[in-house]
């Protein structure tokens, strides 16, 4: 007779919101994002990378 322990239970993965950078920039390459009283600029580069600056 063989005894096996059950597989460990995995905690549910919390749902994280997903946003399209193209939607945030409305098809352009810049968007302003506010956090509290700070404004940040999100930029999509020609290489398709994202840069977030204060």
PDB file of N, CA and C in Angstrom:
ATOM      1  N   UNK A   1       0.841  -1.165   0.000  1.00  0.00           N
ATOM      2  CA  UNK A   1       0.000   0.000   0.000  1.00  0.00           C
ATOM      3  C   UNK A   1       0.894   1.238   0.000  1.00  0.00           C
ATOM      4  N   UNK A   2       0.561   2.218  -0.835  1.00  0.00           N
ATOM      5  CA  UNK A   2       1.372   3.417  -0.997  1.00  0.00           C
ATOM      6  C   UNK A   2       0.594   4.632  -0.513  1.00  0.00           C
ATOM      7  N   UNK A   3       1.259   5.476   0.247  1.00  0.00           N
ATOM      8  CA  UNK A   3       0.623   6.699   0.745  1.00  0.00           C
ATOM      9  C   UNK A   3       1.242   7.896   0.037  1.00  0.00           C
ATOM     10  N   UNK A   4       0.396   8.695  -0.563  1.00  0.00           N
ATOM     11  CA  UNK A   4       0.842   9.905  -1.250  1.00  0.00           C
ATOM     12  C   UNK A   4       0.159  11.101  -0.618  1.00  0.00           C
ATOM     13  N   UNK A   5       0.915  12.149  -0.425  1.00  0.00           N
ATOM     14  CA  UNK A   5       0.293  13.359   0.102  1.00  0.00           C
ATOM     15  C   UNK A   5      -0.362  14.107  -1.062  1.00  0.00           C
ATOM     16  N   UNK A   6      -1.473  14.763  -0.791  1.00  0.00           N
ATOM     17  CA  UNK A   6      -2.143  15.502  -1.863  1.00  0.00           C
ATOM     18  C   UNK A   6      -1.266  16.668  -2.303  1.00  0.00           C
ATOM     19  N   UNK A   7      -1.428  17.112  -3.555  1.00  0.00           N
ATOM     20  CA  UNK A   7      -0.636  18.259  -4.014  1.00  0.00           C
ATOM     21  C   UNK A   7      -0.979  19.490  -3.184  1.00  0.00           C
ATOM     22  N   UNK A   8       0.001  20.372  -2.965  1.00  0.00           N
ATOM     23  CA  UNK A   8      -0.287  21.575  -2.162  1.00  0.00           C
ATOM     24  C   UNK A   8      -1.326  22.446  -2.852  1.00  0.00           C
ATOM     25  N   UNK A   9      -2.179  23.036  -2.042  1.00  0.00           N
ATOM     26  CA  UNK A   9      -3.204  23.926  -2.584  1.00  0.00           C
ATOM     27  C   UNK A   9      -2.542  25.235  -2.979  1.00  0.00           C
ATOM     28  N   UNK A  10      -2.922  25.747  -4.144  1.00  0.00           N
ATOM     29  CA  UNK A  10      -2.385  27.015  -4.606  1.00  0.00           C
ATOM     30  C   UNK A  10      -3.340  28.124  -4.239  1.00  0.00           C
ATOM     31  N   UNK A  11      -2.776  29.209  -3.738  1.00  0.00           N
ATOM     32  CA  UNK A  11      -3.597  30.368  -3.416  1.00  0.00           C
ATOM     33  C   UNK A  11      -4.125  30.967  -4.719  1.00  0.00           C
ATOM     34  N   UNK A  12      -5.356  31.444  -4.717  1.00  0.00           N
ATOM     35  CA  UNK A  12      -5.887  32.053  -5.947  1.00  0.00           C
ATOM     36  C   UNK A  12      -5.055  33.279  -6.341  1.00  0.00           C
ATOM     37  N   UNK A  13      -4.830  33.405  -7.628  1.00  0.00           N
ATOM     38  CA  UNK A  13      -4.080  34.537  -8.150  1.00  0.00           C
ATOM     39  C   UNK A  13      -4.984  35.756  -8.184  1.00  0.00           C
ATOM     40  N   UNK A  14      -4.562  36.863  -7.543  1.00  0.00           N
ATOM     41  CA  UNK A  14      -5.419  38.055  -7.581  1.00  0.00           C
ATOM     42  C   UNK A  14      -5.492  38.609  -9.008  1.00  0.00           C
ATOM     43  N   UNK A  15      -6.632  39.138  -9.346  1.00  0.00           N
ATOM     44  CA  UNK A  15      -6.825  39.713 -10.670  1.00  0.00           C
ATOM     45  C   UNK A  15      -6.177  41.097 -10.705  1.00  0.00           C
ATOM     46  N   UNK A  16      -5.328  41.288 -11.693  1.00  0.00           N
ATOM     47  CA  UNK A  16      -4.629  42.556 -11.857  1.00  0.00           C
ATOM     48  C   UNK A  16      -5.193  43.239 -13.099  1.00  0.00           C
ATOM     49  N   UNK A  17      -5.563  44.529 -12.990  1.00  0.00           N
ATOM     50  CA  UNK A  17      -6.090  45.209 -14.176  1.00  0.00           C
ATOM     51  C   UNK A  17      -5.034  45.269 -15.285  1.00  0.00           C
ATOM     52  N   UNK A  18      -5.487  45.161 -16.521  1.00  0.00           N
ATOM     53  CA  UNK A  18      -4.606  45.231 -17.684  1.00  0.00           C
ATOM     54  C   UNK A  18      -5.088  46.373 -18.570  1.00  0.00           C
ATOM     55  N   UNK A  19      -4.157  47.242 -18.954  1.00  0.00           N
ATOM     56  CA  UNK A  19      -4.481  48.376 -19.805  1.00  0.00           C
ATOM     57  C   UNK A  19      -3.573  48.356 -21.023  1.00  0.00           C
ATOM     58  N   UNK A  20      -4.110  48.658 -22.169  1.00  0.00           N
ATOM     59  CA  UNK A  20      -3.313  48.770 -23.382  1.00  0.00           C
ATOM     60  C   UNK A  20      -2.660  50.149 -23.412  1.00  0.00           C
ATOM     61  N   UNK A  21      -1.348  50.197 -23.612  1.00  0.00           N
ATOM     62  CA  UNK A  21      -0.651  51.481 -23.711  1.00  0.00           C
ATOM     63  C   UNK A  21      -1.186  52.279 -24.888  1.00  0.00           C
ATOM     64  N   UNK A  22      -1.550  51.595 -25.960  1.00  0.00           N
ATOM     65  CA  UNK A  22      -2.117  52.292 -27.134  1.00  0.00           C
ATOM     66  C   UNK A  22      -3.456  52.937 -26.777  1.00  0.00           C
ATOM     67  N   UNK A  23      -4.252  52.269 -25.927  1.00  0.00           N
ATOM     68  CA  UNK A  23      -5.515  52.876 -25.491  1.00  0.00           C
ATOM     69  C   UNK A  23      -5.248  54.088 -24.599  1.00  0.00           C
ATOM     70  N   UNK A  24      -4.261  53.978 -23.705  1.00  0.00           N
ATOM     71  CA  UNK A  24      -3.947  55.098 -22.825  1.00  0.00           C
ATOM     72  C   UNK A  24      -3.452  56.308 -23.604  1.00  0.00           C
ATOM     73  N   UNK A  25      -2.723  56.068 -24.689  1.00  0.00           N
ATOM     74  CA  UNK A  25      -2.204  57.169 -25.498  1.00  0.00           C
ATOM     75  C   UNK A  25      -3.147  57.540 -26.635  1.00  0.00           C
ATOM     76  N   UNK A  26      -4.294  56.883 -26.679  1.00  0.00           N
ATOM     77  CA  UNK A  26      -5.308  57.119 -27.719  1.00  0.00           C
ATOM     78  C   UNK A  26      -4.705  57.046 -29.115  1.00  0.00           C
ATOM     79  N   UNK A  27      -3.837  56.045 -29.324  1.00  0.00           N
ATOM     80  CA  UNK A  27      -3.243  55.823 -30.635  1.00  0.00           C
ATOM     81  C   UNK A  27      -1.987  56.637 -30.894  1.00  0.00           C
ATOM     82  N   UNK A  28      -1.653  57.557 -29.994  1.00  0.00           N
ATOM     83  CA  UNK A  28      -0.449  58.358 -30.159  1.00  0.00           C
ATOM     84  C   UNK A  28       0.721  57.704 -29.449  1.00  0.00           C
ATOM     85  N   UNK A  29       1.645  58.539 -28.967  1.00  0.00           N
ATOM     86  CA  UNK A  29       2.778  57.966 -28.247  1.00  0.00           C
ATOM     87  C   UNK A  29       3.005  58.601 -26.877  1.00  0.00           C
ATOM     88  N   UNK A  30       2.083  59.472 -26.426  1.00  0.00           N
ATOM     89  CA  UNK A  30       2.195  60.111 -25.113  1.00  0.00           C
ATOM     90  C   UNK A  30       0.879  60.061 -24.354  1.00  0.00           C
ATOM     91  N   UNK A  31       0.983  59.909 -23.032  1.00  0.00           N
ATOM     92  CA  UNK A  31      -0.187  59.985 -22.155  1.00  0.00           C
ATOM     93  C   UNK A  31       0.267  60.583 -20.830  1.00  0.00           C
ATOM     94  N   UNK A  32      -0.612  61.302 -20.183  1.00  0.00           N
ATOM     95  CA  UNK A  32      -0.363  61.839 -18.851  1.00  0.00           C
ATOM     96  C   UNK A  32      -1.069  60.928 -17.851  1.00  0.00           C
ATOM     97  N   UNK A  33      -0.358  60.540 -16.798  1.00  0.00           N
ATOM     98  CA  UNK A  33      -0.915  59.677 -15.759  1.00  0.00           C
ATOM     99  C   UNK A  33      -0.758  60.409 -14.434  1.00  0.00           C
ATOM    100  N   UNK A  34      -1.854  60.517 -13.690  1.00  0.00           N
ATOM    101  CA  UNK A  34      -1.812  61.209 -12.404  1.00  0.00           C
ATOM    102  C   UNK A  34      -1.856  60.202 -11.270  1.00  0.00           C
ATOM    103  N   UNK A  35      -1.025  60.464 -10.254  1.00  0.00           N
ATOM    104  CA  UNK A  35      -1.023  59.681  -9.019  1.00  0.00           C
ATOM    105  C   UNK A  35      -0.959  60.685  -7.876  1.00  0.00           C
ATOM    106  N   UNK A  36      -2.073  60.845  -7.187  1.00  0.00           N
ATOM    107  CA  UNK A  36      -2.152  61.879  -6.164  1.00  0.00           C
ATOM    108  C   UNK A  36      -2.019  63.242  -6.827  1.00  0.00           C
ATOM    109  N   UNK A  37      -1.064  64.040  -6.344  1.00  0.00           N
ATOM    110  CA  UNK A  37      -0.864  65.363  -6.947  1.00  0.00           C
ATOM    111  C   UNK A  37       0.309  65.376  -7.927  1.00  0.00           C
ATOM    112  N   UNK A  38       0.829  64.199  -8.281  1.00  0.00           N
ATOM    113  CA  UNK A  38       1.946  64.085  -9.220  1.00  0.00           C
ATOM    114  C   UNK A  38       1.440  63.686 -10.607  1.00  0.00           C
ATOM    115  N   UNK A  39       2.023  64.277 -11.646  1.00  0.00           N
ATOM    116  CA  UNK A  39       1.679  63.926 -13.017  1.00  0.00           C
ATOM    117  C   UNK A  39       2.896  63.291 -13.666  1.00  0.00           C
ATOM    118  N   UNK A  40       2.696  62.158 -14.295  1.00  0.00           N
ATOM    119  CA  UNK A  40       3.754  61.422 -14.972  1.00  0.00           C
ATOM    120  C   UNK A  40       3.439  61.368 -16.460  1.00  0.00           C
ATOM    121  N   UNK A  41       4.478  61.240 -17.276  1.00  0.00           N
ATOM    122  CA  UNK A  41       4.303  61.112 -18.718  1.00  0.00           C
ATOM    123  C   UNK A  41       4.694  59.706 -19.133  1.00  0.00           C
ATOM    124  N   UNK A  42       3.793  59.033 -19.819  1.00  0.00           N
ATOM    125  CA  UNK A  42       4.050  57.712 -20.385  1.00  0.00           C
ATOM    126  C   UNK A  42       4.333  57.912 -21.862  1.00  0.00           C
ATOM    127  N   UNK A  43       5.475  57.411 -22.317  1.00  0.00           N
ATOM    128  CA  UNK A  43       5.850  57.570 -23.720  1.00  0.00           C
ATOM    129  C   UNK A  43       6.148  56.212 -24.323  1.00  0.00           C
ATOM    130  N   UNK A  44       5.647  55.992 -25.538  1.00  0.00           N
ATOM    131  CA  UNK A  44       5.964  54.790 -26.308  1.00  0.00           C
ATOM    132  C   UNK A  44       7.071  55.190 -27.287  1.00  0.00           C
ATOM    133  N   UNK A  45       8.207  54.509 -27.216  1.00  0.00           N
ATOM    134  CA  UNK A  45       9.335  54.843 -28.089  1.00  0.00           C
ATOM    135  C   UNK A  45       9.139  54.236 -29.473  1.00  0.00           C
ATOM    136  N   UNK A  46      10.000  54.644 -30.418  1.00  0.00           N
ATOM    137  CA  UNK A  46       9.944  54.066 -31.769  1.00  0.00           C
ATOM    138  C   UNK A  46      10.213  52.570 -31.746  1.00  0.00           C
ATOM    139  N   UNK A  47      10.979  52.123 -30.744  1.00  0.00           N
ATOM    140  CA  UNK A  47      11.296  50.691 -30.618  1.00  0.00           C
ATOM    141  C   UNK A  47      10.188  49.910 -29.925  1.00  0.00           C
ATOM    142  N   UNK A  48       9.088  50.610 -29.526  1.00  0.00           N
ATOM    143  CA  UNK A  48       7.974  49.925 -28.894  1.00  0.00           C
ATOM    144  C   UNK A  48       8.156  49.698 -27.396  1.00  0.00           C
ATOM    145  N   UNK A  49       9.082  50.423 -26.796  1.00  0.00           N
ATOM    146  CA  UNK A  49       9.302  50.329 -25.348  1.00  0.00           C
ATOM    147  C   UNK A  49       8.509  51.432 -24.648  1.00  0.00           C
ATOM    148  N   UNK A  50       8.300  51.254 -23.339  1.00  0.00           N
ATOM    149  CA  UNK A  50       7.590  52.265 -22.561  1.00  0.00           C
ATOM    150  C   UNK A  50       8.551  52.994 -21.645  1.00  0.00           C
ATOM    151  N   UNK A  51       8.378  54.306 -21.551  1.00  0.00           N
ATOM    152  CA  UNK A  51       9.151  55.127 -20.623  1.00  0.00           C
ATOM    153  C   UNK A  51       8.162  55.933 -19.804  1.00  0.00           C
ATOM    154  N   UNK A  52       8.318  55.878 -18.479  1.00  0.00           N
ATOM    155  CA  UNK A  52       7.474  56.648 -17.565  1.00  0.00           C
ATOM    156  C   UNK A  52       8.367  57.640 -16.837  1.00  0.00           C
ATOM    157  N   UNK A  53       8.065  58.930 -17.000  1.00  0.00           N
ATOM    158  CA  UNK A  53       8.861  59.971 -16.366  1.00  0.00           C
ATOM    159  C   UNK A  53       7.976  60.909 -15.569  1.00  0.00           C
ATOM    160  N   UNK A  54       8.597  61.563 -14.605  1.00  0.00           N
ATOM    161  CA  UNK A  54       7.901  62.525 -13.759  1.00  0.00           C
ATOM    162  C   UNK A  54       7.884  63.879 -14.411  1.00  0.00           C
TER     163      UNK A  54
END
